[in-house]
Amino acid sequence: MARKKATDNVFVFFDIVYEDGALSSNRKVRSGELLGLDGDLPARTILEAEDEKIGLMSGRPRGPIKSLVRSPGQ
């Protein structure tokens, strides 16, 4: 069995502002996904995919993300 990395259970939290003005706070992304040269850019892709999945399940799709920043204190 492979050993878990220290970053496997560590999350980075983001606050999102959508183009329609809606806010979403403390959305989490595994820190292991953010360890490359792209910085926080992969978080946008991950969160957009989550939003699409949730929208399909609920029947109420989210609008496009306007801005994405790390939550304060993270």
PDB file of N, CA and C in Angstrom:
ATOM      1  N   MET A   1       0.844  -1.183   0.000  1.00  0.00           N
ATOM      2  CA  MET A   1       0.000   0.000   0.000  1.00  0.00           C
ATOM      3  C   MET A   1       0.885   1.241   0.000  1.00  0.00           C
ATOM      4  N   ALA A   2       0.548   2.188  -0.827  1.00  0.00           N
ATOM      5  CA  ALA A   2       1.328   3.420  -0.939  1.00  0.00           C
ATOM      6  C   ALA A   2       1.099   4.313   0.276  1.00  0.00           C
ATOM      7  N   ARG A   3       2.143   4.985   0.658  1.00  0.00           N
ATOM      8  CA  ARG A   3       2.036   5.915   1.781  1.00  0.00           C
ATOM      9  C   ARG A   3       1.369   7.196   1.324  1.00  0.00           C
ATOM     10  N   LYS A   4       0.587   7.767   2.199  1.00  0.00           N
ATOM     11  CA  LYS A   4      -0.065   9.042   1.878  1.00  0.00           C
ATOM     12  C   LYS A   4       0.933  10.177   2.024  1.00  0.00           C
ATOM     13  N   LYS A   5       0.815  11.139   1.154  1.00  0.00           N
ATOM     14  CA  LYS A   5       1.630  12.341   1.254  1.00  0.00           C
ATOM     15  C   LYS A   5       1.044  13.242   2.333  1.00  0.00           C
ATOM     16  N   ALA A   6       1.856  14.117   2.865  1.00  0.00           N
ATOM     17  CA  ALA A   6       1.389  15.052   3.896  1.00  0.00           C
ATOM     18  C   ALA A   6       0.315  15.982   3.356  1.00  0.00           C
ATOM     19  N   THR A   7       0.297  16.199   2.054  1.00  0.00           N
ATOM     20  CA  THR A   7      -0.664  17.130   1.462  1.00  0.00           C
ATOM     21  C   THR A   7      -1.973  16.463   1.048  1.00  0.00           C
ATOM     22  N   ASP A   8      -2.100  15.144   1.227  1.00  0.00           N
ATOM     23  CA  ASP A   8      -3.307  14.437   0.792  1.00  0.00           C
ATOM     24  C   ASP A   8      -4.568  14.905   1.516  1.00  0.00           C
ATOM     25  N   ASN A   9      -4.455  15.266   2.771  1.00  0.00           N
ATOM     26  CA  ASN A   9      -5.628  15.657   3.546  1.00  0.00           C
ATOM     27  C   ASN A   9      -5.606  17.122   3.948  1.00  0.00           C
ATOM     28  N   VAL A  10      -4.834  17.920   3.222  1.00  0.00           N
ATOM     29  CA  VAL A  10      -4.746  19.344   3.502  1.00  0.00           C
ATOM     30  C   VAL A  10      -5.492  20.084   2.392  1.00  0.00           C
ATOM     31  N   PHE A  11      -6.299  21.047   2.802  1.00  0.00           N
ATOM     32  CA  PHE A  11      -7.098  21.793   1.831  1.00  0.00           C
ATOM     33  C   PHE A  11      -6.751  23.270   1.862  1.00  0.00           C
ATOM     34  N   VAL A  12      -6.954  23.927   0.727  1.00  0.00           N
ATOM     35  CA  VAL A  12      -6.851  25.375   0.602  1.00  0.00           C
ATOM     36  C   VAL A  12      -8.269  25.860   0.331  1.00  0.00           C
ATOM     37  N   PHE A  13      -8.676  26.914   1.031  1.00  0.00           N
ATOM     38  CA  PHE A  13     -10.034  27.431   0.905  1.00  0.00           C
ATOM     39  C   PHE A  13     -10.039  28.693   0.053  1.00  0.00           C
ATOM     40  N   PHE A  14     -11.072  28.821  -0.783  1.00  0.00           N
ATOM     41  CA  PHE A  14     -11.190  29.944  -1.698  1.00  0.00           C
ATOM     42  C   PHE A  14     -12.543  30.625  -1.553  1.00  0.00           C
ATOM     43  N   ASP A  15     -12.548  31.939  -1.750  1.00  0.00           N
ATOM     44  CA  ASP A  15     -13.778  32.719  -1.842  1.00  0.00           C
ATOM     45  C   ASP A  15     -13.979  33.045  -3.322  1.00  0.00           C
ATOM     46  N   ILE A  16     -15.206  32.840  -3.788  1.00  0.00           N
ATOM     47  CA  ILE A  16     -15.515  33.022  -5.203  1.00  0.00           C
ATOM     48  C   ILE A  16     -16.570  34.104  -5.367  1.00  0.00           C
ATOM     49  N   VAL A  17     -16.361  34.950  -6.359  1.00  0.00           N
ATOM     50  CA  VAL A  17     -17.377  35.914  -6.783  1.00  0.00           C
ATOM     51  C   VAL A  17     -17.746  35.529  -8.208  1.00  0.00           C
ATOM     52  N   TYR A  18     -19.041  35.336  -8.432  1.00  0.00           N
ATOM     53  CA  TYR A  18     -19.532  34.987  -9.760  1.00  0.00           C
ATOM     54  C   TYR A  18     -19.899  36.266 -10.518  1.00  0.00           C
ATOM     55  N   GLU A  19     -19.997  36.170 -11.825  1.00  0.00           N
ATOM     56  CA  GLU A  19     -20.295  37.340 -12.655  1.00  0.00           C
ATOM     57  C   GLU A  19     -21.645  37.963 -12.340  1.00  0.00           C
ATOM     58  N   ASP A  20     -22.579  37.177 -11.798  1.00  0.00           N
ATOM     59  CA  ASP A  20     -23.890  37.720 -11.435  1.00  0.00           C
ATOM     60  C   ASP A  20     -23.884  38.352 -10.039  1.00  0.00           C
ATOM     61  N   GLY A  21     -22.724  38.398  -9.389  1.00  0.00           N
ATOM     62  CA  GLY A  21     -22.596  39.013  -8.069  1.00  0.00           C
ATOM     63  C   GLY A  21     -22.751  38.045  -6.911  1.00  0.00           C
ATOM     64  N   ALA A  22     -23.102  36.797  -7.176  1.00  0.00           N
ATOM     65  CA  ALA A  22     -23.246  35.797  -6.117  1.00  0.00           C
ATOM     66  C   ALA A  22     -21.877  35.489  -5.511  1.00  0.00           C
ATOM     67  N   LEU A  23     -21.879  35.187  -4.219  1.00  0.00           N
ATOM     68  CA  LEU A  23     -20.650  34.863  -3.503  1.00  0.00           C
ATOM     69  C   LEU A  23     -20.703  33.429  -3.010  1.00  0.00           C
ATOM     70  N   SER A  24     -19.547  32.804  -2.951  1.00  0.00           N
ATOM     71  CA  SER A  24     -19.412  31.477  -2.375  1.00  0.00           C
ATOM     72  C   SER A  24     -18.117  31.482  -1.579  1.00  0.00           C
ATOM     73  N   SER A  25     -18.206  31.208  -0.287  1.00  0.00           N
ATOM     74  CA  SER A  25     -17.039  31.295   0.582  1.00  0.00           C
ATOM     75  C   SER A  25     -16.553  29.922   1.013  1.00  0.00           C
ATOM     76  N   ASN A  26     -15.267  29.867   1.290  1.00  0.00           N
ATOM     77  CA  ASN A  26     -14.625  28.689   1.848  1.00  0.00           C
ATOM     78  C   ASN A  26     -14.822  27.425   1.024  1.00  0.00           C
ATOM     79  N   ARG A  27     -14.718  27.557  -0.287  1.00  0.00           N
ATOM     80  CA  ARG A  27     -14.751  26.375  -1.156  1.00  0.00           C
ATOM     81  C   ARG A  27     -13.376  25.729  -1.087  1.00  0.00           C
ATOM     82  N   LYS A  28     -13.324  24.436  -0.861  1.00  0.00           N
ATOM     83  CA  LYS A  28     -12.030  23.792  -0.638  1.00  0.00           C
ATOM     84  C   LYS A  28     -11.518  23.021  -1.848  1.00  0.00           C
ATOM     85  N   VAL A  29     -10.174  23.060  -1.967  1.00  0.00           N
ATOM     86  CA  VAL A  29      -9.451  22.353  -3.013  1.00  0.00           C
ATOM     87  C   VAL A  29      -8.258  21.691  -2.325  1.00  0.00           C
ATOM     88  N   ARG A  30      -7.994  20.441  -2.666  1.00  0.00           N
ATOM     89  CA  ARG A  30      -6.836  19.752  -2.081  1.00  0.00           C
ATOM     90  C   ARG A  30      -5.550  20.501  -2.441  1.00  0.00           C
ATOM     91  N   SER A  31      -4.701  20.693  -1.455  1.00  0.00           N
ATOM     92  CA  SER A  31      -3.471  21.455  -1.685  1.00  0.00           C
ATOM     93  C   SER A  31      -2.551  20.747  -2.670  1.00  0.00           C
ATOM     94  N   GLY A  32      -2.628  19.436  -2.751  1.00  0.00           N
ATOM     95  CA  GLY A  32      -1.810  18.693  -3.705  1.00  0.00           C
ATOM     96  C   GLY A  32      -2.093  19.067  -5.147  1.00  0.00           C
ATOM     97  N   GLU A  33      -3.295  19.569  -5.414  1.00  0.00           N
ATOM     98  CA  GLU A  33      -3.660  19.994  -6.766  1.00  0.00           C
ATOM     99  C   GLU A  33      -3.024  21.330  -7.132  1.00  0.00           C
ATOM    100  N   LEU A  34      -2.503  22.043  -6.148  1.00  0.00           N
ATOM    101  CA  LEU A  34      -1.994  23.404  -6.364  1.00  0.00           C
ATOM    102  C   LEU A  34      -0.478  23.483  -6.261  1.00  0.00           C
ATOM    103  N   LEU A  35       0.203  22.361  -6.279  1.00  0.00           N
ATOM    104  CA  LEU A  35       1.643  22.357  -6.044  1.00  0.00           C
ATOM    105  C   LEU A  35       2.494  22.610  -7.284  1.00  0.00           C
ATOM    106  N   GLY A  36       1.896  22.739  -8.444  1.00  0.00           N
ATOM    107  CA  GLY A  36       2.664  22.940  -9.673  1.00  0.00           C
ATOM    108  C   GLY A  36       3.052  24.385  -9.885  1.00  0.00           C
ATOM    109  N   LEU A  37       3.576  24.650 -11.045  1.00  0.00           N
ATOM    110  CA  LEU A  37       4.025  25.996 -11.406  1.00  0.00           C
ATOM    111  C   LEU A  37       2.866  26.951 -11.674  1.00  0.00           C
ATOM    112  N   ASP A  38       1.658  26.414 -11.834  1.00  0.00           N
ATOM    113  CA  ASP A  38       0.497  27.241 -12.155  1.00  0.00           C
ATOM    114  C   ASP A  38      -0.105  27.937 -10.946  1.00  0.00           C
ATOM    115  N   GLY A  39       0.383  27.673  -9.747  1.00  0.00           N
ATOM    116  CA  GLY A  39      -0.146  28.318  -8.544  1.00  0.00           C
ATOM    117  C   GLY A  39      -1.594  27.945  -8.301  1.00  0.00           C
ATOM    118  N   ASP A  40      -2.461  28.943  -8.134  1.00  0.00           N
ATOM    119  CA  ASP A  40      -3.871  28.711  -7.837  1.00  0.00           C
ATOM    120  C   ASP A  40      -4.734  28.535  -9.086  1.00  0.00           C
ATOM    121  N   LEU A  41      -4.158  28.606 -10.261  1.00  0.00           N
ATOM    122  CA  LEU A  41      -4.923  28.470 -11.501  1.00  0.00           C
ATOM    123  C   LEU A  41      -5.700  27.150 -11.592  1.00  0.00           C
ATOM    124  N   PRO A  42      -5.130  26.016 -11.181  1.00  0.00           N
ATOM    125  CA  PRO A  42      -5.907  24.774 -11.228  1.00  0.00           C
ATOM    126  C   PRO A  42      -7.159  24.810 -10.343  1.00  0.00           C
ATOM    127  N   ALA A  43      -7.175  25.632  -9.308  1.00  0.00           N
ATOM    128  CA  ALA A  43      -8.341  25.727  -8.422  1.00  0.00           C
ATOM    129  C   ALA A  43      -9.561  26.201  -9.208  1.00  0.00           C
ATOM    130  N   ARG A  44      -9.383  27.127 -10.108  1.00  0.00           N
ATOM    131  CA  ARG A  44     -10.503  27.633 -10.911  1.00  0.00           C
ATOM    132  C   ARG A  44     -11.119  26.498 -11.726  1.00  0.00           C
ATOM    133  N   THR A  45     -10.279  25.711 -12.368  1.00  0.00           N
ATOM    134  CA  THR A  45     -10.762  24.598 -13.180  1.00  0.00           C
ATOM    135  C   THR A  45     -11.498  23.572 -12.322  1.00  0.00           C
ATOM    136  N   ILE A  46     -10.949  23.252 -11.171  1.00  0.00           N
ATOM    137  CA  ILE A  46     -11.560  22.277 -10.262  1.00  0.00           C
ATOM    138  C   ILE A  46     -12.905  22.785  -9.763  1.00  0.00           C
ATOM    139  N   LEU A  47     -12.957  24.037  -9.338  1.00  0.00           N
ATOM    140  CA  LEU A  47     -14.195  24.594  -8.803  1.00  0.00           C
ATOM    141  C   LEU A  47     -15.251  24.778  -9.894  1.00  0.00           C
ATOM    142  N   GLU A  48     -14.838  25.123 -11.116  1.00  0.00           N
ATOM    143  CA  GLU A  48     -15.789  25.227 -12.224  1.00  0.00           C
ATOM    144  C   GLU A  48     -16.402  23.856 -12.527  1.00  0.00           C
ATOM    145  N   ALA A  49     -15.579  22.803 -12.472  1.00  0.00           N
ATOM    146  CA  ALA A  49     -16.085  21.450 -12.712  1.00  0.00           C
ATOM    147  C   ALA A  49     -17.076  21.044 -11.620  1.00  0.00           C
ATOM    148  N   GLU A  50     -16.757  21.391 -10.361  1.00  0.00           N
ATOM    149  CA  GLU A  50     -17.690  21.108  -9.266  1.00  0.00           C
ATOM    150  C   GLU A  50     -19.004  21.858  -9.459  1.00  0.00           C
ATOM    151  N   ASP A  51     -18.908  23.126  -9.839  1.00  0.00           N
ATOM    152  CA  ASP A  51     -20.110  23.938 -10.064  1.00  0.00           C
ATOM    153  C   ASP A  51     -20.976  23.336 -11.172  1.00  0.00           C
ATOM    154  N   GLU A  52     -20.331  22.858 -12.232  1.00  0.00           N
ATOM    155  CA  GLU A  52     -21.075  22.266 -13.343  1.00  0.00           C
ATOM    156  C   GLU A  52     -21.808  20.998 -12.879  1.00  0.00           C
ATOM    157  N   LYS A  53     -21.111  20.170 -12.119  1.00  0.00           N
ATOM    158  CA  LYS A  53     -21.718  18.932 -11.616  1.00  0.00           C
ATOM    159  C   LYS A  53     -22.895  19.237 -10.688  1.00  0.00           C
ATOM    160  N   ILE A  54     -22.708  20.185  -9.790  1.00  0.00           N
ATOM    161  CA  ILE A  54     -23.779  20.568  -8.862  1.00  0.00           C
ATOM    162  C   ILE A  54     -24.952  21.163  -9.627  1.00  0.00           C
ATOM    163  N   GLY A  55     -24.658  21.983 -10.632  1.00  0.00           N
ATOM    164  CA  GLY A  55     -25.711  22.580 -11.441  1.00  0.00           C
ATOM    165  C   GLY A  55     -26.539  21.553 -12.189  1.00  0.00           C
ATOM    166  N   LEU A  56     -25.878  20.533 -12.707  1.00  0.00           N
ATOM    167  CA  LEU A  56     -26.597  19.477 -13.413  1.00  0.00           C
ATOM    168  C   LEU A  56     -27.489  18.684 -12.467  1.00  0.00           C
ATOM    169  N   MET A  57     -26.989  18.439 -11.256  1.00  0.00           N
ATOM    170  CA  MET A  57     -27.753  17.661 -10.287  1.00  0.00           C
ATOM    171  C   MET A  57     -28.936  18.458  -9.732  1.00  0.00           C
ATOM    172  N   SER A  58     -28.742  19.756  -9.542  1.00  0.00           N
ATOM    173  CA  SER A  58     -29.784  20.575  -8.924  1.00  0.00           C
ATOM    174  C   SER A  58     -30.736  21.201  -9.953  1.00  0.00           C
ATOM    175  N   GLY A  59     -30.292  21.279 -11.194  1.00  0.00           N
ATOM    176  CA  GLY A  59     -31.102  21.928 -12.218  1.00  0.00           C
ATOM    177  C   GLY A  59     -30.959  23.442 -12.218  1.00  0.00           C
ATOM    178  N   ARG A  60     -30.045  23.968 -11.403  1.00  0.00           N
ATOM    179  CA  ARG A  60     -29.795  25.415 -11.335  1.00  0.00           C
ATOM    180  C   ARG A  60     -28.304  25.678 -11.543  1.00  0.00           C
ATOM    181  N   PRO A  61     -27.874  25.855 -12.790  1.00  0.00           N
ATOM    182  CA  PRO A  61     -26.444  26.049 -13.049  1.00  0.00           C
ATOM    183  C   PRO A  61     -25.928  27.381 -12.510  1.00  0.00           C
ATOM    184  N   ARG A  62     -24.671  27.374 -12.117  1.00  0.00           N
ATOM    185  CA  ARG A  62     -23.996  28.591 -11.663  1.00  0.00           C
ATOM    186  C   ARG A  62     -23.506  29.354 -12.875  1.00  0.00           C
ATOM    187  N   GLY A  63     -23.348  30.653 -12.688  1.00  0.00           N
ATOM    188  CA  GLY A  63     -22.764  31.470 -13.739  1.00  0.00           C
ATOM    189  C   GLY A  63     -21.253  31.333 -13.730  1.00  0.00           C
ATOM    190  N   PRO A  64     -20.602  32.006 -14.651  1.00  0.00           N
ATOM    191  CA  PRO A  64     -19.143  31.973 -14.719  1.00  0.00           C
ATOM    192  C   PRO A  64     -18.503  32.652 -13.506  1.00  0.00           C
ATOM    193  N   ILE A  65     -17.323  32.193 -13.154  1.00  0.00           N
ATOM    194  CA  ILE A  65     -16.571  32.772 -12.040  1.00  0.00           C
ATOM    195  C   ILE A  65     -15.926  34.075 -12.499  1.00  0.00           C
ATOM    196  N   LYS A  66     -16.154  35.139 -11.731  1.00  0.00           N
ATOM    197  CA  LYS A  66     -15.550  36.442 -12.020  1.00  0.00           C
ATOM    198  C   LYS A  66     -14.178  36.543 -11.359  1.00  0.00           C
ATOM    199  N   SER A  67     -14.113  36.188 -10.069  1.00  0.00           N
ATOM    200  CA  SER A  67     -12.825  36.230  -9.372  1.00  0.00           C
ATOM    201  C   SER A  67     -12.765  35.128  -8.325  1.00  0.00           C
ATOM    202  N   LEU A  68     -11.541  34.762  -8.009  1.00  0.00           N
ATOM    203  CA  LEU A  68     -11.275  33.678  -7.077  1.00  0.00           C
ATOM    204  C   LEU A  68     -10.052  34.063  -6.255  1.00  0.00           C
ATOM    205  N   VAL A  69     -10.201  34.114  -4.937  1.00  0.00           N
ATOM    206  CA  VAL A  69      -9.082  34.446  -4.053  1.00  0.00           C
ATOM    207  C   VAL A  69      -9.067  33.486  -2.878  1.00  0.00           C
ATOM    208  N   ARG A  70      -7.904  33.300  -2.294  1.00  0.00           N
ATOM    209  CA  ARG A  70      -7.824  32.456  -1.104  1.00  0.00           C
ATOM    210  C   ARG A  70      -8.589  33.127   0.032  1.00  0.00           C
ATOM    211  N   SER A  71      -9.276  32.315   0.801  1.00  0.00           N
ATOM    212  CA  SER A  71     -10.009  32.838   1.949  1.00  0.00           C
ATOM    213  C   SER A  71      -9.033  33.420   2.955  1.00  0.00           C
ATOM    214  N   PRO A  72      -9.413  34.507   3.641  1.00  0.00           N
ATOM    215  CA  PRO A  72      -8.528  35.094   4.649  1.00  0.00           C
ATOM    216  C   PRO A  72      -8.211  34.086   5.743  1.00  0.00           C
ATOM    217  N   GLY A  73      -6.989  34.142   6.227  1.00  0.00           N
ATOM    218  CA  GLY A  73      -6.577  33.256   7.308  1.00  0.00           C
ATOM    219  C   GLY A  73      -6.102  31.909   6.807  1.00  0.00           C
ATOM    220  N   GLN A  74      -5.975  31.749   5.504  1.00  0.00           N
ATOM    221  CA  GLN A  74      -5.523  30.473   4.964  1.00  0.00           C
ATOM    222  C   GLN A  74      -4.102  30.571   4.522  1.00  0.00           C
TER     223      GLN A  74
END
